[in-house]
Structure formats: structure tokens, C-alpha cells
Amino acid sequence: MLEKYFTWLAEVLLIIVVGVGLVFITLHSLYYSYGMMIFGEHSAAATEMFWESEKIWSSIYTVAVIVIAVSTQIVRSFKSSKK
């Protein structure tokens, strides 16, 4: 019973980490893309730079979290099959 509770808690924490991580990536991209407008960067160029960096960093972060989740599930399945 306690193991199911910890598994559920770990899954909820993973969802929270993914959501918070993607929000931080978006804020970082916004700051570094539109912050350059202070130095004379045009809005169109800043928007293009924002979407490029958003796609790259969000994709890398999402793939990394999926790899961690899949590898954790594989390790759990191996542990349960050895019992």
C-alpha cells in the first residue's frame, strides 16, 4: 500500500517538474529574446529568436524528462520481475 502511494507521489512530482521546467524555459526565452529589444533589436527578429529557442530548449527538456521516466519504469519492472 505504501509503495503505491510513493509511486503515485513520484508521478505527480514528475508532472509538476515538467510543468515548472517548461515555464522556466519559456521565461528564459522571453527574457533573452525580447530583452534584446533594448539594444535596438526589432520585434519581428525577437519573436523569431524566441520561437527558435523555445522549440530547441523545450524539445531537449521534454526528451530528457521522457528518457528519465522511461528508464525509471524499466528499472522498476526489472526489480519487480526479480522478486
N, C-alpha and C. Protein backbone atom coordinates (compact mmCIF):
# COMPACT_ATOMS: atom_id res chain seq x y z
N MET A 1 0.81 -1.18 0.00
CA MET A 1 0.00 0.00 0.00
C MET A 1 0.87 1.26 0.00
N LEU A 2 1.87 1.25 0.83
CA LEU A 2 2.76 2.40 0.93
C LEU A 2 3.55 2.59 -0.37
N GLU A 3 3.89 1.49 -1.02
CA GLU A 3 4.65 1.58 -2.27
C GLU A 3 3.81 2.23 -3.36
N LYS A 4 2.51 1.92 -3.42
CA LYS A 4 1.63 2.55 -4.41
C LYS A 4 1.50 4.05 -4.16
N TYR A 5 1.47 4.44 -2.88
CA TYR A 5 1.40 5.85 -2.54
C TYR A 5 2.66 6.58 -3.01
N PHE A 6 3.82 5.99 -2.79
CA PHE A 6 5.07 6.62 -3.22
C PHE A 6 5.17 6.68 -4.74
N THR A 7 4.67 5.66 -5.41
CA THR A 7 4.67 5.66 -6.87
C THR A 7 3.79 6.79 -7.39
N TRP A 8 2.60 6.93 -6.80
CA TRP A 8 1.69 8.00 -7.21
C TRP A 8 2.32 9.36 -6.94
N LEU A 9 2.94 9.52 -5.79
CA LEU A 9 3.58 10.78 -5.43
C LEU A 9 4.72 11.11 -6.40
N ALA A 10 5.49 10.12 -6.79
CA ALA A 10 6.58 10.33 -7.74
C ALA A 10 6.04 10.76 -9.10
N GLU A 11 4.94 10.17 -9.52
CA GLU A 11 4.36 10.55 -10.81
C GLU A 11 3.83 11.98 -10.77
N VAL A 12 3.20 12.36 -9.68
CA VAL A 12 2.70 13.73 -9.55
C VAL A 12 3.86 14.72 -9.53
N LEU A 13 4.91 14.39 -8.82
CA LEU A 13 6.08 15.27 -8.78
C LEU A 13 6.73 15.41 -10.15
N LEU A 14 6.75 14.33 -10.93
CA LEU A 14 7.30 14.40 -12.28
C LEU A 14 6.49 15.34 -13.14
N ILE A 15 5.17 15.28 -13.03
CA ILE A 15 4.31 16.18 -13.81
C ILE A 15 4.57 17.63 -13.39
N ILE A 16 4.71 17.87 -12.11
CA ILE A 16 4.98 19.23 -11.62
C ILE A 16 6.33 19.71 -12.12
N VAL A 17 7.34 18.86 -12.08
CA VAL A 17 8.68 19.24 -12.54
C VAL A 17 8.66 19.58 -14.03
N VAL A 18 7.94 18.80 -14.81
CA VAL A 18 7.85 19.08 -16.25
C VAL A 18 7.17 20.42 -16.48
N GLY A 19 6.06 20.65 -15.79
CA GLY A 19 5.35 21.92 -15.97
C GLY A 19 6.17 23.12 -15.54
N VAL A 20 6.79 23.05 -14.38
CA VAL A 20 7.61 24.15 -13.89
C VAL A 20 8.83 24.36 -14.78
N GLY A 21 9.43 23.29 -15.23
CA GLY A 21 10.59 23.40 -16.11
C GLY A 21 10.25 24.08 -17.42
N LEU A 22 9.12 23.72 -18.00
CA LEU A 22 8.72 24.35 -19.26
C LEU A 22 8.38 25.83 -19.06
N VAL A 23 7.81 26.17 -17.91
CA VAL A 23 7.54 27.59 -17.62
C VAL A 23 8.85 28.36 -17.50
N PHE A 24 9.83 27.79 -16.80
CA PHE A 24 11.12 28.47 -16.67
C PHE A 24 11.83 28.61 -18.01
N ILE A 25 11.72 27.60 -18.86
CA ILE A 25 12.33 27.69 -20.19
C ILE A 25 11.66 28.80 -20.99
N THR A 26 10.34 28.91 -20.90
CA THR A 26 9.63 29.97 -21.62
C THR A 26 10.02 31.34 -21.11
N LEU A 27 10.10 31.50 -19.79
CA LEU A 27 10.51 32.79 -19.23
C LEU A 27 11.93 33.15 -19.62
N HIS A 28 12.81 32.17 -19.64
CA HIS A 28 14.20 32.39 -20.05
C HIS A 28 14.25 32.83 -21.51
N SER A 29 13.50 32.15 -22.36
CA SER A 29 13.48 32.51 -23.78
C SER A 29 12.91 33.90 -23.99
N LEU A 30 11.85 34.22 -23.26
CA LEU A 30 11.26 35.56 -23.37
C LEU A 30 12.25 36.63 -22.97
N TYR A 31 12.93 36.41 -21.87
CA TYR A 31 13.88 37.41 -21.36
C TYR A 31 15.02 37.64 -22.35
N TYR A 32 15.60 36.56 -22.86
CA TYR A 32 16.75 36.74 -23.73
C TYR A 32 16.37 37.10 -25.16
N SER A 33 15.14 36.85 -25.57
CA SER A 33 14.73 37.23 -26.91
C SER A 33 14.25 38.67 -26.95
N TYR A 34 13.32 38.99 -26.07
CA TYR A 34 12.74 40.34 -26.09
C TYR A 34 13.57 41.34 -25.30
N GLY A 35 14.46 40.87 -24.46
CA GLY A 35 15.35 41.77 -23.75
C GLY A 35 16.32 42.46 -24.69
N MET A 36 16.58 41.85 -25.83
CA MET A 36 17.49 42.44 -26.81
C MET A 36 16.87 43.64 -27.51
N MET A 37 15.56 43.83 -27.37
CA MET A 37 14.92 44.99 -27.99
C MET A 37 15.43 46.28 -27.36
N ILE A 38 15.96 46.20 -26.15
CA ILE A 38 16.54 47.38 -25.50
C ILE A 38 17.73 47.89 -26.31
N PHE A 39 18.44 46.96 -26.93
CA PHE A 39 19.64 47.32 -27.69
C PHE A 39 19.34 47.53 -29.17
N GLY A 40 18.08 47.68 -29.54
CA GLY A 40 17.73 48.01 -30.91
C GLY A 40 17.30 46.84 -31.76
N GLU A 41 17.08 45.69 -31.19
CA GLU A 41 16.60 44.53 -31.95
C GLU A 41 15.13 44.76 -32.32
N HIS A 42 14.75 44.39 -33.52
CA HIS A 42 13.38 44.59 -33.97
C HIS A 42 12.46 43.52 -33.37
N SER A 43 11.19 43.83 -33.28
CA SER A 43 10.21 42.93 -32.68
C SER A 43 10.08 41.65 -33.49
N ALA A 44 10.12 41.73 -34.80
CA ALA A 44 9.99 40.53 -35.64
C ALA A 44 11.18 39.59 -35.42
N ALA A 45 12.36 40.17 -35.35
CA ALA A 45 13.55 39.34 -35.12
C ALA A 45 13.53 38.73 -33.72
N ALA A 46 13.04 39.50 -32.74
CA ALA A 46 12.96 38.98 -31.38
C ALA A 46 11.95 37.85 -31.30
N THR A 47 10.83 37.97 -32.00
CA THR A 47 9.82 36.91 -32.00
C THR A 47 10.36 35.65 -32.65
N GLU A 48 11.06 35.81 -33.76
CA GLU A 48 11.65 34.65 -34.44
C GLU A 48 12.68 33.97 -33.54
N MET A 49 13.51 34.77 -32.88
CA MET A 49 14.52 34.21 -32.00
C MET A 49 13.86 33.50 -30.80
N PHE A 50 12.77 34.06 -30.29
CA PHE A 50 12.05 33.44 -29.18
C PHE A 50 11.54 32.06 -29.57
N TRP A 51 10.88 31.96 -30.72
CA TRP A 51 10.30 30.66 -31.10
C TRP A 51 11.38 29.63 -31.42
N GLU A 52 12.48 30.06 -32.00
CA GLU A 52 13.58 29.13 -32.26
C GLU A 52 14.15 28.58 -30.97
N SER A 53 14.43 29.46 -30.02
CA SER A 53 15.00 28.99 -28.75
C SER A 53 13.97 28.19 -27.96
N GLU A 54 12.71 28.57 -28.04
CA GLU A 54 11.65 27.84 -27.33
C GLU A 54 11.54 26.41 -27.85
N LYS A 55 11.56 26.26 -29.16
CA LYS A 55 11.47 24.91 -29.74
C LYS A 55 12.68 24.06 -29.36
N ILE A 56 13.85 24.63 -29.42
CA ILE A 56 15.07 23.86 -29.14
C ILE A 56 15.11 23.44 -27.67
N TRP A 57 15.01 24.40 -26.74
CA TRP A 57 15.17 24.08 -25.31
C TRP A 57 14.01 23.25 -24.77
N SER A 58 12.80 23.54 -25.22
CA SER A 58 11.65 22.75 -24.75
C SER A 58 11.73 21.32 -25.25
N SER A 59 12.19 21.15 -26.48
CA SER A 59 12.33 19.79 -27.02
C SER A 59 13.39 19.01 -26.26
N ILE A 60 14.52 19.63 -26.00
CA ILE A 60 15.60 18.95 -25.27
C ILE A 60 15.13 18.59 -23.87
N TYR A 61 14.46 19.51 -23.20
CA TYR A 61 13.98 19.27 -21.83
C TYR A 61 12.93 18.15 -21.81
N THR A 62 12.00 18.20 -22.74
CA THR A 62 10.95 17.18 -22.79
C THR A 62 11.53 15.80 -23.07
N VAL A 63 12.46 15.71 -24.00
CA VAL A 63 13.09 14.42 -24.31
C VAL A 63 13.86 13.90 -23.09
N ALA A 64 14.56 14.78 -22.40
CA ALA A 64 15.31 14.36 -21.22
C ALA A 64 14.39 13.82 -20.14
N VAL A 65 13.27 14.49 -19.90
CA VAL A 65 12.32 14.02 -18.89
C VAL A 65 11.69 12.69 -19.30
N ILE A 66 11.37 12.53 -20.57
CA ILE A 66 10.81 11.27 -21.05
C ILE A 66 11.81 10.14 -20.89
N VAL A 67 13.08 10.39 -21.21
CA VAL A 67 14.12 9.36 -21.05
C VAL A 67 14.26 8.96 -19.58
N ILE A 68 14.22 9.94 -18.69
CA ILE A 68 14.30 9.63 -17.27
C ILE A 68 13.10 8.81 -16.83
N ALA A 69 11.91 9.18 -17.27
CA ALA A 69 10.70 8.46 -16.88
C ALA A 69 10.70 7.03 -17.42
N VAL A 70 11.10 6.85 -18.67
CA VAL A 70 11.14 5.51 -19.26
C VAL A 70 12.19 4.64 -18.59
N SER A 71 13.36 5.21 -18.35
CA SER A 71 14.41 4.41 -17.70
C SER A 71 14.03 4.04 -16.27
N THR A 72 13.34 4.93 -15.57
CA THR A 72 12.86 4.60 -14.23
C THR A 72 11.85 3.47 -14.27
N GLN A 73 10.95 3.50 -15.25
CA GLN A 73 9.95 2.43 -15.37
C GLN A 73 10.62 1.11 -15.73
N ILE A 74 11.64 1.13 -16.57
CA ILE A 74 12.35 -0.10 -16.92
C ILE A 74 13.05 -0.68 -15.70
N VAL A 75 13.70 0.16 -14.91
CA VAL A 75 14.36 -0.31 -13.69
C VAL A 75 13.33 -0.88 -12.72
N ARG A 76 12.18 -0.23 -12.58
CA ARG A 76 11.13 -0.76 -11.70
C ARG A 76 10.62 -2.11 -12.17
N SER A 77 10.47 -2.27 -13.47
CA SER A 77 9.97 -3.54 -13.98
C SER A 77 10.99 -4.66 -13.79
N PHE A 78 12.28 -4.35 -13.93
CA PHE A 78 13.32 -5.35 -13.68
C PHE A 78 13.36 -5.73 -12.21
N LYS A 79 13.20 -4.75 -11.32
CA LYS A 79 13.19 -5.03 -9.88
C LYS A 79 12.02 -5.91 -9.49
N SER A 80 10.85 -5.62 -10.07
CA SER A 80 9.67 -6.41 -9.71
C SER A 80 9.72 -7.81 -10.32
N SER A 81 10.40 -7.98 -11.45
CA SER A 81 10.49 -9.31 -12.06
C SER A 81 11.50 -10.19 -11.31
N LYS A 82 12.45 -9.59 -10.61
CA LYS A 82 13.44 -10.38 -9.84
C LYS A 82 12.88 -10.86 -8.51
N LYS A 83 11.79 -10.27 -8.04
CA LYS A 83 11.23 -10.66 -6.74
C LYS A 83 10.56 -11.99 -6.79
